[in-house]
Amino acid sequence: MIKKYILCILAVLITITNSSYAFPADSKPMSKRATLVPTSVTFKISSEVGTSNTTKISVDDVNNLNAVGKLDIVKNDGSNDCCTASVIRTDNGNIAITAAHCLFDFNTQTWNSEVYFYPGYNHGQQGNIGKVAAKSGYIYDIFKDNPALSDYAFIKLDYPEGRKLQDDTGAFDYDLDIPGDIYPVNVFGYPVDGDMNCPKDGQNLCDYEGLSYDMPNEVPIKSYRGITIDVGHCSSGGPWVRIYDPNTNSGNVMGVSQGILDLPYPDETVAWSWTRDEFTQILNFAETN
């Protein structure tokens, strides 16, 4: 999350940083939720991409933390970018959640060209699965008009026919109704900068444990939750996991890293708070299209 983009919310000036777009000065959260229309893209897949030999994976190797992985991104202009994603438990079995700005570049109004997922990536090493291509991506159309809104997305992964990635990596459950008030979350990502207490080289899976809270009333609708640090560039899309159990690496995804609030709230990463209806609508769209 390197670039700064400016978002005016009432009298409060908000800057959201992340890897791939800048807010225009007149971008504002809306006073009420708009009608949401899902949209999708089919990504290019390199002929060299292939998963590892998954037949060698045993039940003992399945670890929900392997559901978190690094995203390597090829943008429409051929440049490279990075984000974080995580497998969530679905009927399809090959769905990951990330940030919308990891798939769609608001500045150029173009979808990214190629997206590759490395589940379980850590310490500079691929996980047991290796490199998995993203077959298609799904966001809400409103994000194209205002990147402050609905900054989360789903990826359908190109896994071998008849297999489910979640069976080989584990998967997180998710909250449909985001709880309010203050409670602890674990936030994961592969930062190259920021405030997470870990090697910030984009090669290590980092985990921040802290309190998540509703953003103040200056925001017209409660559409964001915050944590008190900058999780860093390449952590965009990383899961915010509620009721995380480090013994089983289980818990519920209740958001993904979106950006940073500026004064009077410096260095606070936010996540979009979806509603049950909007989350279910776009997830169903991703599973069936």
Protein backbone atom coordinates (compact mmCIF):
# COMPACT_ATOMS: atom_id res chain seq x y z
CA MET A 1 0.00 0.00 0.00
CA ILE A 2 2.29 2.76 -1.24
CA LYS A 3 0.32 5.37 -3.13
CA LYS A 4 -1.97 7.86 -1.39
CA TYR A 5 -5.44 8.62 -2.51
CA ILE A 6 -7.66 11.29 -1.06
CA LEU A 7 -11.19 10.71 0.06
CA CYS A 8 -13.38 13.45 1.55
CA ILE A 9 -15.87 12.23 4.12
CA LEU A 10 -17.91 15.18 5.34
CA ALA A 11 -15.32 17.57 6.83
CA VAL A 12 -12.81 14.82 7.42
CA LEU A 13 -10.02 14.34 4.86
CA ILE A 14 -9.25 10.69 4.44
CA THR A 15 -6.35 9.17 2.57
CA ILE A 16 -6.43 5.50 1.71
CA THR A 17 -3.22 3.85 0.62
CA ASN A 18 -2.83 0.64 -1.26
CA SER A 19 -1.04 -0.93 -4.13
CA SER A 20 -2.96 -0.06 -7.22
CA TYR A 21 -5.21 2.99 -7.35
CA ALA A 22 -5.70 6.58 -6.24
CA PHE A 23 -8.93 8.13 -5.05
CA PRO A 24 -10.17 11.17 -6.95
CA ALA A 25 -10.80 14.10 -4.64
CA ASP A 26 -14.58 13.83 -4.94
CA SER A 27 -14.86 10.15 -3.99
CA LYS A 28 -17.15 9.78 -1.00
CA PRO A 29 -18.88 6.96 0.84
CA MET A 30 -22.60 7.23 0.17
CA SER A 31 -25.14 8.10 2.85
CA LYS A 32 -26.93 4.83 2.15
CA ARG A 33 -26.07 1.56 0.45
CA ALA A 34 -26.59 1.63 -3.29
CA THR A 35 -27.97 -1.17 -5.43
CA LEU A 36 -24.99 -3.40 -6.13
CA VAL A 37 -24.29 -5.14 -9.44
CA PRO A 38 -21.58 -7.84 -9.56
CA THR A 39 -19.15 -7.82 -12.47
CA SER A 40 -16.41 -10.25 -13.47
CA VAL A 41 -13.34 -10.78 -15.62
CA THR A 42 -11.51 -13.79 -17.07
CA PHE A 43 -7.77 -13.57 -16.45
CA LYS A 44 -5.02 -14.68 -18.79
CA ILE A 45 -3.19 -17.82 -17.65
CA SER A 46 0.44 -18.46 -18.54
CA SER A 47 1.09 -21.78 -20.27
CA GLU A 48 3.85 -22.41 -17.74
CA VAL A 49 1.54 -22.34 -14.73
CA GLY A 50 0.78 -25.58 -12.97
CA THR A 51 0.07 -26.71 -9.47
CA SER A 52 2.32 -29.11 -7.59
CA ASN A 53 1.57 -32.82 -7.40
CA THR A 54 -1.30 -32.59 -4.94
CA THR A 55 -1.60 -36.37 -4.64
CA LYS A 56 1.36 -36.24 -2.24
CA ILE A 57 -0.51 -34.09 0.26
CA SER A 58 -1.79 -35.99 3.26
CA VAL A 59 -4.52 -35.04 5.69
CA ASP A 60 -1.83 -34.16 8.24
CA ASP A 61 -0.49 -31.47 5.89
CA VAL A 62 -3.78 -29.58 5.74
CA ASN A 63 -3.45 -26.46 7.86
CA ASN A 64 -5.88 -23.54 7.66
CA LEU A 65 -2.98 -21.10 7.70
CA ASN A 66 -2.04 -22.51 4.29
CA ALA A 67 -5.29 -20.94 3.13
CA VAL A 68 -3.50 -17.58 3.25
CA GLY A 69 -1.25 -16.89 0.32
CA LYS A 70 0.66 -14.35 -1.70
CA LEU A 71 -0.79 -12.88 -4.89
CA ASP A 72 1.53 -12.07 -7.79
CA ILE A 73 -0.19 -9.70 -10.20
CA VAL A 74 0.54 -8.72 -13.79
CA LYS A 75 -1.14 -5.41 -14.52
CA ASN A 76 -2.69 -4.40 -17.82
CA ASP A 77 0.45 -2.45 -18.79
CA GLY A 78 2.71 -5.43 -18.05
CA SER A 79 4.05 -4.14 -14.72
CA ASN A 80 3.96 -6.28 -11.58
CA ASP A 81 2.20 -5.86 -8.26
CA CYS A 82 1.48 -7.93 -5.16
CA CYS A 83 -1.32 -8.53 -2.69
CA THR A 84 -2.58 -11.14 -0.23
CA ALA A 85 -5.57 -13.48 -0.46
CA SER A 86 -7.08 -16.36 1.50
CA VAL A 87 -9.19 -19.40 0.69
CA ILE A 88 -12.66 -19.34 2.23
CA ARG A 89 -14.94 -22.33 2.73
CA THR A 90 -17.45 -22.58 -0.13
CA ASP A 91 -19.44 -25.18 -2.03
CA ASN A 92 -17.23 -24.53 -5.06
CA GLY A 93 -14.09 -25.14 -3.00
CA ASN A 94 -11.81 -22.99 -5.19
CA ILE A 95 -12.69 -19.47 -4.05
CA ALA A 96 -10.33 -16.97 -2.41
CA ILE A 97 -11.11 -13.52 -1.03
CA THR A 98 -8.94 -10.43 -1.52
CA ALA A 99 -9.33 -6.67 -2.10
CA ALA A 100 -11.09 -5.35 -5.20
CA HIS A 101 -8.15 -3.03 -5.93
CA CYS A 102 -5.94 -6.12 -6.27
CA LEU A 103 -7.97 -7.13 -9.33
CA PHE A 104 -9.15 -3.83 -10.83
CA ASP A 105 -6.98 -0.72 -11.30
CA PHE A 106 -9.15 2.31 -10.60
CA ASN A 107 -6.58 4.77 -11.99
CA THR A 108 -6.56 3.21 -15.46
CA GLN A 109 -10.08 1.71 -15.25
CA THR A 110 -8.69 -1.66 -16.34
CA TRP A 111 -8.71 -5.14 -14.90
CA ASN A 112 -5.32 -6.60 -14.10
CA SER A 113 -4.19 -9.08 -16.74
CA GLU A 114 -2.91 -12.07 -14.74
CA VAL A 115 -3.20 -13.07 -11.08
CA TYR A 116 -1.35 -15.98 -9.43
CA PHE A 117 -1.93 -17.36 -5.94
CA TYR A 118 0.65 -19.11 -3.74
CA PRO A 119 -1.28 -20.67 -0.83
CA GLY A 120 0.89 -21.29 2.22
CA TYR A 121 3.73 -19.12 0.91
CA ASN A 122 6.23 -18.26 3.69
CA HIS A 123 9.93 -17.60 4.26
CA GLY A 124 10.43 -17.16 0.51
CA GLN A 125 9.14 -20.67 -0.19
CA GLN A 126 6.04 -21.87 -1.99
CA GLY A 127 3.60 -24.00 -0.03
CA ASN A 128 2.77 -27.62 -0.87
CA ILE A 129 0.38 -26.57 -3.63
CA GLY A 130 2.76 -24.29 -5.50
CA LYS A 131 1.47 -21.67 -7.93
CA VAL A 132 -2.23 -21.57 -8.78
CA ALA A 133 -3.61 -19.31 -11.50
CA ALA A 134 -6.66 -17.17 -10.93
CA LYS A 135 -9.22 -18.09 -13.57
CA SER A 136 -11.66 -15.24 -12.93
CA GLY A 137 -12.29 -12.31 -10.59
CA TYR A 138 -15.46 -10.77 -9.16
CA ILE A 139 -16.10 -7.30 -7.76
CA TYR A 140 -19.06 -4.96 -7.42
CA ASP A 141 -19.49 -2.51 -10.29
CA ILE A 142 -19.78 0.40 -7.85
CA PHE A 143 -16.07 0.02 -7.03
CA LYS A 144 -15.22 1.13 -10.58
CA ASP A 145 -16.96 4.46 -9.91
CA ASN A 146 -15.85 4.95 -6.32
CA PRO A 147 -12.93 2.90 -4.96
CA ALA A 148 -13.88 3.83 -1.41
CA LEU A 149 -16.82 1.43 -1.67
CA SER A 150 -16.99 -2.38 -1.53
CA ASP A 151 -13.23 -2.90 -1.71
CA TYR A 152 -13.33 -6.68 -1.48
CA ALA A 153 -13.38 -9.32 -4.21
CA PHE A 154 -13.49 -13.01 -4.94
CA ILE A 155 -11.13 -15.05 -7.10
CA LYS A 156 -12.03 -18.36 -8.70
CA LEU A 157 -8.88 -20.45 -8.93
CA ASP A 158 -7.85 -22.76 -11.77
CA TYR A 159 -7.40 -25.94 -9.75
CA PRO A 160 -7.26 -29.45 -11.29
CA GLU A 161 -10.65 -30.69 -12.48
CA GLY A 162 -12.66 -32.42 -9.80
CA ARG A 163 -10.49 -31.20 -6.92
CA LYS A 164 -11.17 -28.52 -4.34
CA LEU A 165 -8.27 -26.34 -3.23
CA GLN A 166 -9.83 -25.92 0.21
CA ASP A 167 -9.46 -29.68 0.77
CA ASP A 168 -5.69 -29.38 0.30
CA THR A 169 -5.04 -26.07 2.06
CA GLY A 170 -7.80 -25.75 4.63
CA ALA A 171 -10.07 -22.72 4.52
CA PHE A 172 -11.45 -20.01 6.75
CA ASP A 173 -15.09 -19.59 7.58
CA TYR A 174 -16.51 -16.06 7.27
CA ASP A 175 -18.94 -13.72 8.99
CA LEU A 176 -22.01 -12.65 7.06
CA ASP A 177 -23.02 -10.20 9.76
CA ILE A 178 -19.99 -8.21 10.90
CA PRO A 179 -20.12 -7.71 14.68
CA GLY A 180 -19.80 -4.15 15.96
CA ASP A 181 -17.97 -2.69 18.97
CA ILE A 182 -14.37 -3.61 19.84
CA TYR A 183 -12.86 -7.08 19.65
CA PRO A 184 -9.53 -8.72 18.71
CA VAL A 185 -8.64 -9.77 15.17
CA ASN A 186 -5.65 -11.37 13.53
CA VAL A 187 -4.61 -9.68 10.29
CA PHE A 188 -2.36 -11.50 7.81
CA GLY A 189 -0.29 -10.27 4.89
CA TYR A 190 3.05 -10.16 3.06
CA PRO A 191 4.19 -6.56 3.69
CA VAL A 192 7.21 -4.83 2.18
CA ASP A 193 6.79 -1.83 4.49
CA GLY A 194 4.40 -0.61 7.18
CA ASP A 195 4.20 -1.36 10.89
CA MET A 196 3.79 -5.12 11.23
CA ASN A 197 6.42 -6.62 13.54
CA CYS A 198 8.06 -9.07 11.14
CA PRO A 199 10.55 -9.20 8.26
CA LYS A 200 8.97 -6.77 5.78
CA ASP A 201 10.38 -8.19 2.55
CA GLY A 202 7.24 -9.54 0.87
CA GLN A 203 8.53 -13.07 1.44
CA ASN A 204 7.21 -13.75 4.92
CA LEU A 205 3.65 -14.25 6.12
CA CYS A 206 3.09 -11.71 8.88
CA ASP A 207 0.39 -11.73 11.54
CA TYR A 208 -0.82 -8.68 13.47
CA GLU A 209 -3.00 -9.31 16.51
CA GLY A 210 -4.88 -6.30 17.83
CA LEU A 211 -8.25 -4.70 18.43
CA SER A 212 -10.67 -3.98 15.60
CA TYR A 213 -13.26 -1.24 16.03
CA ASP A 214 -16.04 0.60 14.20
CA MET A 215 -14.86 3.80 12.54
CA PRO A 216 -16.10 7.03 14.16
CA ASN A 217 -19.44 8.66 13.49
CA GLU A 218 -17.95 11.15 11.03
CA VAL A 219 -18.37 8.39 8.48
CA PRO A 220 -21.99 8.68 7.27
CA ILE A 221 -22.59 4.94 7.33
CA LYS A 222 -20.74 2.32 9.31
CA SER A 223 -18.96 0.85 6.33
CA TYR A 224 -15.44 0.47 7.78
CA ARG A 225 -13.67 -1.13 10.67
CA GLY A 226 -10.15 -0.15 11.68
CA ILE A 227 -6.96 -1.33 13.37
CA THR A 228 -4.25 0.96 14.71
CA ILE A 229 -1.38 0.12 12.33
CA ASP A 230 -0.40 0.38 8.68
CA VAL A 231 -0.19 -3.24 7.53
CA GLY A 232 1.93 -2.26 4.53
CA HIS A 233 2.09 -2.60 0.77
CA CYS A 234 1.40 -6.14 -0.50
CA SER A 235 -0.79 -6.86 2.53
CA SER A 236 -3.82 -5.49 0.66
CA GLY A 237 -6.52 -8.14 0.58
CA GLY A 238 -5.11 -9.98 3.58
CA PRO A 239 -7.81 -11.49 5.82
CA TRP A 240 -8.99 -10.05 9.12
CA VAL A 241 -9.79 -13.17 11.14
CA ARG A 242 -12.10 -12.98 14.15
CA ILE A 243 -12.03 -15.59 16.96
CA TYR A 244 -8.72 -16.85 15.61
CA ASP A 245 -7.43 -20.04 17.24
CA PRO A 246 -3.64 -20.39 16.74
CA ASN A 247 -3.79 -24.06 17.70
CA THR A 248 -6.07 -24.95 14.80
CA ASN A 249 -5.50 -21.81 12.69
CA SER A 250 -9.25 -21.43 12.44
CA GLY A 251 -11.56 -18.45 12.66
CA ASN A 252 -13.93 -16.25 10.69
CA VAL A 253 -12.90 -13.77 8.01
CA MET A 254 -14.75 -10.52 8.72
CA GLY A 255 -12.90 -8.20 6.33
CA VAL A 256 -9.79 -7.74 4.19
CA SER A 257 -7.14 -5.02 4.37
CA GLN A 258 -8.22 -2.06 2.26
CA GLY A 259 -6.32 1.12 3.10
CA ILE A 260 -5.15 3.77 5.55
CA LEU A 261 -7.07 6.62 7.15
CA ASP A 262 -5.29 9.98 7.33
CA LEU A 263 -5.67 12.67 9.99
CA PRO A 264 -7.22 12.71 12.47
CA TYR A 265 -6.79 8.93 12.35
CA PRO A 266 -3.16 8.35 11.24
CA ASP A 267 -1.86 4.96 10.29
CA GLU A 268 -5.09 3.06 10.74
CA THR A 269 -5.74 0.31 8.23
CA VAL A 270 -9.43 -0.14 7.41
CA ALA A 271 -11.56 -2.98 6.09
CA TRP A 272 -14.93 -2.63 4.37
CA SER A 273 -17.83 -3.95 6.46
CA TRP A 274 -20.05 -5.87 4.08
CA THR A 275 -23.65 -6.77 4.81
CA ARG A 276 -25.10 -10.27 4.67
CA ASP A 277 -27.05 -9.58 1.48
CA GLU A 278 -24.19 -7.98 -0.46
CA PHE A 279 -21.63 -10.61 0.54
CA THR A 280 -23.98 -13.48 -0.30
CA GLN A 281 -24.95 -11.95 -3.65
CA ILE A 282 -21.43 -11.59 -5.00
CA LEU A 283 -20.21 -14.88 -3.54
CA ASN A 284 -23.10 -16.73 -5.23
CA PHE A 285 -22.24 -14.89 -8.45
CA ALA A 286 -18.61 -16.01 -8.17
CA GLU A 287 -19.52 -19.63 -7.48
CA THR A 288 -21.95 -19.95 -10.38
CA ASN A 289 -20.23 -17.88 -13.09
